[in-house]
Amino acid sequence: MTTELGEENTKLLVLARGALARTESGEGAAVRDLDGRSYAAGATRLNSLTLTALQGAVAVAVSSGARGFEAAVVVGGDHTDPGVAALRELSAEATLVFARPDGSVIEE
């Protein structure tokens, strides 16, 4: 696991990898809101609902009262993820990290 991220974003990486493992969906994401609370999700693919992991994490956070984000970590995704727009809608300056399933950082 990487130590480049700093302690708080490394925690998000652990949460995102955990969501990836639990859901076996190919994606995991975690976000930290402006109050320091963290939310994690895996991708959701149902006949009636499809969300990327980042969309899911942002949705859970917003539905729990988050008004913005400090950071997000996405495992198994990239900048084409529509969840990026949702994250940026609330917090244009939030740190956004993409990582591989093994925890290595692709880009920060």
N, C-alpha and C. Protein backbone atom coordinates (compact mmCIF):
# COMPACT_ATOMS: atom_id res chain seq x y z
N MET A 1 0.85 -1.18 0.00
CA MET A 1 0.00 0.00 0.00
C MET A 1 0.89 1.23 0.00
N THR A 2 0.44 2.28 -0.63
CA THR A 2 1.23 3.49 -0.77
C THR A 2 1.23 4.34 0.49
N THR A 3 2.32 5.05 0.70
CA THR A 3 2.40 6.00 1.79
C THR A 3 2.43 7.42 1.25
N GLU A 4 2.38 7.59 -0.06
CA GLU A 4 2.43 8.89 -0.71
C GLU A 4 1.20 9.75 -0.41
N LEU A 5 0.10 9.15 -0.09
CA LEU A 5 -1.17 9.86 0.02
C LEU A 5 -1.33 10.67 1.29
N GLY A 6 -0.60 10.40 2.29
CA GLY A 6 -0.86 10.99 3.58
C GLY A 6 -1.86 10.13 4.33
N GLU A 7 -1.88 10.29 5.62
CA GLU A 7 -2.68 9.40 6.48
C GLU A 7 -4.17 9.42 6.16
N GLU A 8 -4.76 10.60 6.01
CA GLU A 8 -6.21 10.69 5.80
C GLU A 8 -6.63 10.11 4.46
N ASN A 9 -5.87 10.37 3.41
CA ASN A 9 -6.24 9.81 2.10
C ASN A 9 -5.90 8.34 2.00
N THR A 10 -4.93 7.88 2.76
CA THR A 10 -4.66 6.44 2.82
C THR A 10 -5.84 5.72 3.45
N LYS A 11 -6.49 6.35 4.44
CA LYS A 11 -7.71 5.76 5.03
C LYS A 11 -8.80 5.63 3.98
N LEU A 12 -8.94 6.66 3.13
CA LEU A 12 -9.93 6.57 2.05
C LEU A 12 -9.60 5.45 1.09
N LEU A 13 -8.32 5.26 0.81
CA LEU A 13 -7.91 4.17 -0.07
C LEU A 13 -8.29 2.82 0.52
N VAL A 14 -8.08 2.65 1.81
CA VAL A 14 -8.46 1.41 2.49
C VAL A 14 -9.97 1.20 2.40
N LEU A 15 -10.75 2.25 2.63
CA LEU A 15 -12.21 2.13 2.55
C LEU A 15 -12.66 1.80 1.13
N ALA A 16 -12.05 2.43 0.14
CA ALA A 16 -12.42 2.17 -1.26
C ALA A 16 -12.08 0.74 -1.66
N ARG A 17 -10.92 0.27 -1.23
CA ARG A 17 -10.54 -1.12 -1.53
C ARG A 17 -11.47 -2.10 -0.84
N GLY A 18 -11.91 -1.76 0.38
CA GLY A 18 -12.86 -2.61 1.10
C GLY A 18 -14.20 -2.68 0.38
N ALA A 19 -14.68 -1.55 -0.12
CA ALA A 19 -15.94 -1.54 -0.88
C ALA A 19 -15.80 -2.36 -2.15
N LEU A 20 -14.66 -2.24 -2.81
CA LEU A 20 -14.38 -3.03 -4.01
C LEU A 20 -14.44 -4.52 -3.70
N ALA A 21 -13.81 -4.92 -2.62
CA ALA A 21 -13.77 -6.34 -2.25
C ALA A 21 -15.16 -6.86 -1.86
N ARG A 22 -15.90 -6.06 -1.10
CA ARG A 22 -17.23 -6.49 -0.65
C ARG A 22 -18.20 -6.65 -1.80
N THR A 23 -18.17 -5.73 -2.73
CA THR A 23 -19.17 -5.73 -3.80
C THR A 23 -18.74 -6.54 -5.01
N GLU A 24 -17.45 -6.81 -5.13
CA GLU A 24 -16.92 -7.53 -6.29
C GLU A 24 -17.42 -6.91 -7.59
N SER A 25 -17.52 -5.59 -7.60
CA SER A 25 -18.10 -4.88 -8.74
C SER A 25 -17.06 -4.32 -9.71
N GLY A 26 -15.80 -4.41 -9.36
CA GLY A 26 -14.76 -3.87 -10.21
C GLY A 26 -14.37 -2.44 -9.88
N GLU A 27 -15.15 -1.79 -9.01
CA GLU A 27 -14.88 -0.42 -8.59
C GLU A 27 -15.19 -0.25 -7.11
N GLY A 28 -14.41 0.60 -6.48
CA GLY A 28 -14.69 1.02 -5.12
C GLY A 28 -14.31 2.48 -4.99
N ALA A 29 -15.01 3.21 -4.16
CA ALA A 29 -14.69 4.62 -3.96
C ALA A 29 -15.00 5.00 -2.53
N ALA A 30 -14.29 6.01 -2.06
CA ALA A 30 -14.56 6.58 -0.75
C ALA A 30 -14.36 8.08 -0.83
N VAL A 31 -15.19 8.82 -0.12
CA VAL A 31 -15.09 10.27 -0.06
C VAL A 31 -15.04 10.71 1.40
N ARG A 32 -14.41 11.86 1.62
CA ARG A 32 -14.40 12.47 2.95
C ARG A 32 -15.06 13.84 2.82
N ASP A 33 -16.08 14.08 3.64
CA ASP A 33 -16.80 15.35 3.55
C ASP A 33 -16.06 16.44 4.33
N LEU A 34 -16.61 17.64 4.32
CA LEU A 34 -15.97 18.79 4.95
C LEU A 34 -15.93 18.68 6.46
N ASP A 35 -16.73 17.79 7.04
CA ASP A 35 -16.72 17.56 8.49
C ASP A 35 -15.80 16.41 8.88
N GLY A 36 -15.13 15.79 7.90
CA GLY A 36 -14.22 14.69 8.18
C GLY A 36 -14.86 13.32 8.19
N ARG A 37 -16.15 13.23 7.87
CA ARG A 37 -16.81 11.93 7.81
C ARG A 37 -16.51 11.26 6.47
N SER A 38 -16.39 9.94 6.50
CA SER A 38 -16.07 9.17 5.29
C SER A 38 -17.23 8.29 4.89
N TYR A 39 -17.36 8.12 3.58
CA TYR A 39 -18.42 7.30 2.99
C TYR A 39 -17.80 6.47 1.88
N ALA A 40 -18.19 5.21 1.78
CA ALA A 40 -17.62 4.33 0.75
C ALA A 40 -18.74 3.60 0.03
N ALA A 41 -18.46 3.22 -1.21
CA ALA A 41 -19.45 2.47 -2.01
C ALA A 41 -18.74 1.71 -3.11
N GLY A 42 -19.38 0.65 -3.54
CA GLY A 42 -18.96 -0.06 -4.74
C GLY A 42 -19.91 0.30 -5.86
N ALA A 43 -19.56 -0.08 -7.07
CA ALA A 43 -20.44 0.18 -8.20
C ALA A 43 -21.75 -0.60 -8.03
N THR A 44 -22.84 -0.02 -8.50
CA THR A 44 -24.15 -0.64 -8.43
C THR A 44 -24.66 -0.86 -9.84
N ARG A 45 -24.98 -2.10 -10.15
CA ARG A 45 -25.50 -2.41 -11.48
C ARG A 45 -26.73 -3.29 -11.34
N LEU A 46 -27.88 -2.62 -11.37
CA LEU A 46 -29.18 -3.30 -11.33
C LEU A 46 -29.91 -2.98 -12.62
N ASN A 47 -30.95 -3.70 -12.92
CA ASN A 47 -31.75 -3.37 -14.10
C ASN A 47 -32.33 -1.97 -14.00
N SER A 48 -32.68 -1.56 -12.79
CA SER A 48 -33.34 -0.27 -12.60
C SER A 48 -32.43 0.84 -12.09
N LEU A 49 -31.16 0.54 -11.80
CA LEU A 49 -30.26 1.57 -11.25
C LEU A 49 -28.82 1.20 -11.54
N THR A 50 -28.09 2.13 -12.13
CA THR A 50 -26.67 1.93 -12.38
C THR A 50 -25.91 3.14 -11.86
N LEU A 51 -24.97 2.90 -10.96
CA LEU A 51 -24.12 3.95 -10.40
C LEU A 51 -22.68 3.47 -10.38
N THR A 52 -21.77 4.37 -10.69
CA THR A 52 -20.36 4.04 -10.47
C THR A 52 -20.11 4.10 -8.97
N ALA A 53 -18.99 3.58 -8.56
CA ALA A 53 -18.65 3.61 -7.13
C ALA A 53 -18.58 5.04 -6.62
N LEU A 54 -17.98 5.93 -7.40
CA LEU A 54 -17.87 7.33 -6.97
C LEU A 54 -19.24 7.99 -6.89
N GLN A 55 -20.10 7.73 -7.86
CA GLN A 55 -21.46 8.26 -7.78
C GLN A 55 -22.16 7.76 -6.51
N GLY A 56 -21.97 6.48 -6.20
CA GLY A 56 -22.59 5.91 -5.01
C GLY A 56 -22.08 6.55 -3.73
N ALA A 57 -20.78 6.73 -3.64
CA ALA A 57 -20.20 7.33 -2.43
C ALA A 57 -20.66 8.78 -2.27
N VAL A 58 -20.68 9.53 -3.37
CA VAL A 58 -21.16 10.91 -3.32
C VAL A 58 -22.63 10.94 -2.93
N ALA A 59 -23.44 10.06 -3.50
CA ALA A 59 -24.87 10.02 -3.19
C ALA A 59 -25.12 9.70 -1.72
N VAL A 60 -24.39 8.73 -1.17
CA VAL A 60 -24.55 8.38 0.24
C VAL A 60 -24.18 9.57 1.12
N ALA A 61 -23.08 10.23 0.77
CA ALA A 61 -22.63 11.38 1.56
C ALA A 61 -23.65 12.52 1.51
N VAL A 62 -24.11 12.86 0.32
CA VAL A 62 -25.06 13.96 0.18
C VAL A 62 -26.38 13.63 0.88
N SER A 63 -26.83 12.39 0.76
CA SER A 63 -28.08 12.01 1.42
C SER A 63 -27.94 11.98 2.94
N SER A 64 -26.69 11.96 3.42
CA SER A 64 -26.42 12.01 4.86
C SER A 64 -26.14 13.42 5.34
N GLY A 65 -26.24 14.40 4.43
CA GLY A 65 -26.09 15.79 4.83
C GLY A 65 -24.78 16.46 4.45
N ALA A 66 -23.89 15.77 3.76
CA ALA A 66 -22.63 16.39 3.35
C ALA A 66 -22.90 17.55 2.40
N ARG A 67 -22.19 18.63 2.61
CA ARG A 67 -22.37 19.83 1.78
C ARG A 67 -21.18 20.05 0.85
N GLY A 68 -20.15 19.24 1.01
CA GLY A 68 -18.96 19.36 0.18
C GLY A 68 -17.96 18.30 0.57
N PHE A 69 -16.84 18.26 -0.16
CA PHE A 69 -15.85 17.19 0.02
C PHE A 69 -14.44 17.74 0.10
N GLU A 70 -13.64 17.08 0.94
CA GLU A 70 -12.21 17.36 1.01
C GLU A 70 -11.46 16.50 0.00
N ALA A 71 -11.87 15.22 -0.11
CA ALA A 71 -11.10 14.29 -0.94
C ALA A 71 -11.95 13.10 -1.34
N ALA A 72 -11.48 12.43 -2.40
CA ALA A 72 -12.09 11.19 -2.87
C ALA A 72 -11.00 10.29 -3.42
N VAL A 73 -11.17 8.99 -3.21
CA VAL A 73 -10.27 7.99 -3.78
C VAL A 73 -11.13 6.99 -4.54
N VAL A 74 -10.74 6.72 -5.79
CA VAL A 74 -11.46 5.78 -6.64
C VAL A 74 -10.51 4.65 -7.01
N VAL A 75 -10.94 3.43 -6.75
CA VAL A 75 -10.17 2.25 -7.14
C VAL A 75 -10.90 1.58 -8.30
N GLY A 76 -10.19 1.38 -9.40
CA GLY A 76 -10.77 0.71 -10.55
C GLY A 76 -11.54 1.63 -11.48
N GLY A 77 -11.34 2.93 -11.38
CA GLY A 77 -12.02 3.89 -12.24
C GLY A 77 -11.05 4.88 -12.83
N ASP A 78 -11.58 5.86 -13.56
CA ASP A 78 -10.73 6.90 -14.14
C ASP A 78 -11.53 8.20 -14.30
N HIS A 79 -10.92 9.20 -14.93
CA HIS A 79 -11.53 10.52 -15.07
C HIS A 79 -12.81 10.55 -15.89
N THR A 80 -13.11 9.48 -16.63
CA THR A 80 -14.36 9.45 -17.40
C THR A 80 -15.56 9.10 -16.53
N ASP A 81 -15.32 8.75 -15.28
CA ASP A 81 -16.38 8.40 -14.34
C ASP A 81 -17.33 9.59 -14.17
N PRO A 82 -18.63 9.42 -14.39
CA PRO A 82 -19.56 10.52 -14.19
C PRO A 82 -19.64 11.01 -12.75
N GLY A 83 -19.15 10.21 -11.82
CA GLY A 83 -19.10 10.65 -10.43
C GLY A 83 -18.15 11.81 -10.21
N VAL A 84 -17.18 11.98 -11.11
CA VAL A 84 -16.26 13.11 -11.00
C VAL A 84 -17.05 14.42 -11.10
N ALA A 85 -17.99 14.49 -12.02
CA ALA A 85 -18.81 15.69 -12.16
C ALA A 85 -19.62 15.96 -10.90
N ALA A 86 -20.15 14.91 -10.29
CA ALA A 86 -20.92 15.08 -9.05
C ALA A 86 -20.03 15.60 -7.93
N LEU A 87 -18.83 15.05 -7.81
CA LEU A 87 -17.88 15.50 -6.80
C LEU A 87 -17.53 16.96 -7.03
N ARG A 88 -17.20 17.30 -8.27
CA ARG A 88 -16.79 18.67 -8.62
C ARG A 88 -17.93 19.68 -8.50
N GLU A 89 -19.17 19.22 -8.67
CA GLU A 89 -20.31 20.12 -8.52
C GLU A 89 -20.35 20.72 -7.13
N LEU A 90 -20.00 19.92 -6.14
CA LEU A 90 -20.02 20.39 -4.76
C LEU A 90 -18.68 20.94 -4.29
N SER A 91 -17.60 20.41 -4.82
CA SER A 91 -16.26 20.80 -4.34
C SER A 91 -15.25 20.73 -5.48
N ALA A 92 -15.13 21.83 -6.20
CA ALA A 92 -14.24 21.87 -7.36
C ALA A 92 -12.78 21.61 -6.99
N GLU A 93 -12.39 21.92 -5.76
CA GLU A 93 -11.00 21.80 -5.35
C GLU A 93 -10.68 20.53 -4.56
N ALA A 94 -11.65 19.64 -4.41
CA ALA A 94 -11.41 18.41 -3.64
C ALA A 94 -10.29 17.59 -4.27
N THR A 95 -9.46 17.00 -3.45
CA THR A 95 -8.42 16.09 -3.93
C THR A 95 -9.10 14.86 -4.51
N LEU A 96 -8.65 14.42 -5.68
CA LEU A 96 -9.21 13.24 -6.32
C LEU A 96 -8.07 12.32 -6.72
N VAL A 97 -8.09 11.10 -6.19
CA VAL A 97 -7.02 10.13 -6.41
C VAL A 97 -7.61 8.90 -7.09
N PHE A 98 -6.90 8.39 -8.09
CA PHE A 98 -7.27 7.14 -8.74
C PHE A 98 -6.20 6.11 -8.43
N ALA A 99 -6.64 4.90 -8.08
CA ALA A 99 -5.70 3.84 -7.70
C ALA A 99 -6.10 2.52 -8.34
N ARG A 100 -5.15 1.63 -8.38
CA ARG A 100 -5.38 0.26 -8.85
C ARG A 100 -5.91 -0.57 -7.68
N PRO A 101 -6.51 -1.72 -7.97
CA PRO A 101 -7.00 -2.58 -6.88
C PRO A 101 -5.94 -3.00 -5.87
N ASP A 102 -4.66 -3.03 -6.27
CA ASP A 102 -3.61 -3.40 -5.32
C ASP A 102 -3.22 -2.23 -4.40
N GLY A 103 -3.83 -1.07 -4.61
CA GLY A 103 -3.57 0.09 -3.76
C GLY A 103 -2.55 1.05 -4.33
N SER A 104 -1.92 0.71 -5.44
CA SER A 104 -0.95 1.63 -6.01
C SER A 104 -1.68 2.79 -6.70
N VAL A 105 -1.15 3.96 -6.51
CA VAL A 105 -1.76 5.17 -7.04
C VAL A 105 -1.46 5.33 -8.51
N ILE A 106 -2.50 5.57 -9.30
CA ILE A 106 -2.34 5.83 -10.73
C ILE A 106 -2.05 7.32 -10.93
N GLU A 107 -2.90 8.14 -10.35
CA GLU A 107 -2.70 9.58 -10.41
C GLU A 107 -3.42 10.25 -9.26
N GLU A 108 -2.86 11.40 -8.91
CA GLU A 108 -3.40 12.17 -7.81
C GLU A 108 -3.78 13.53 -8.32
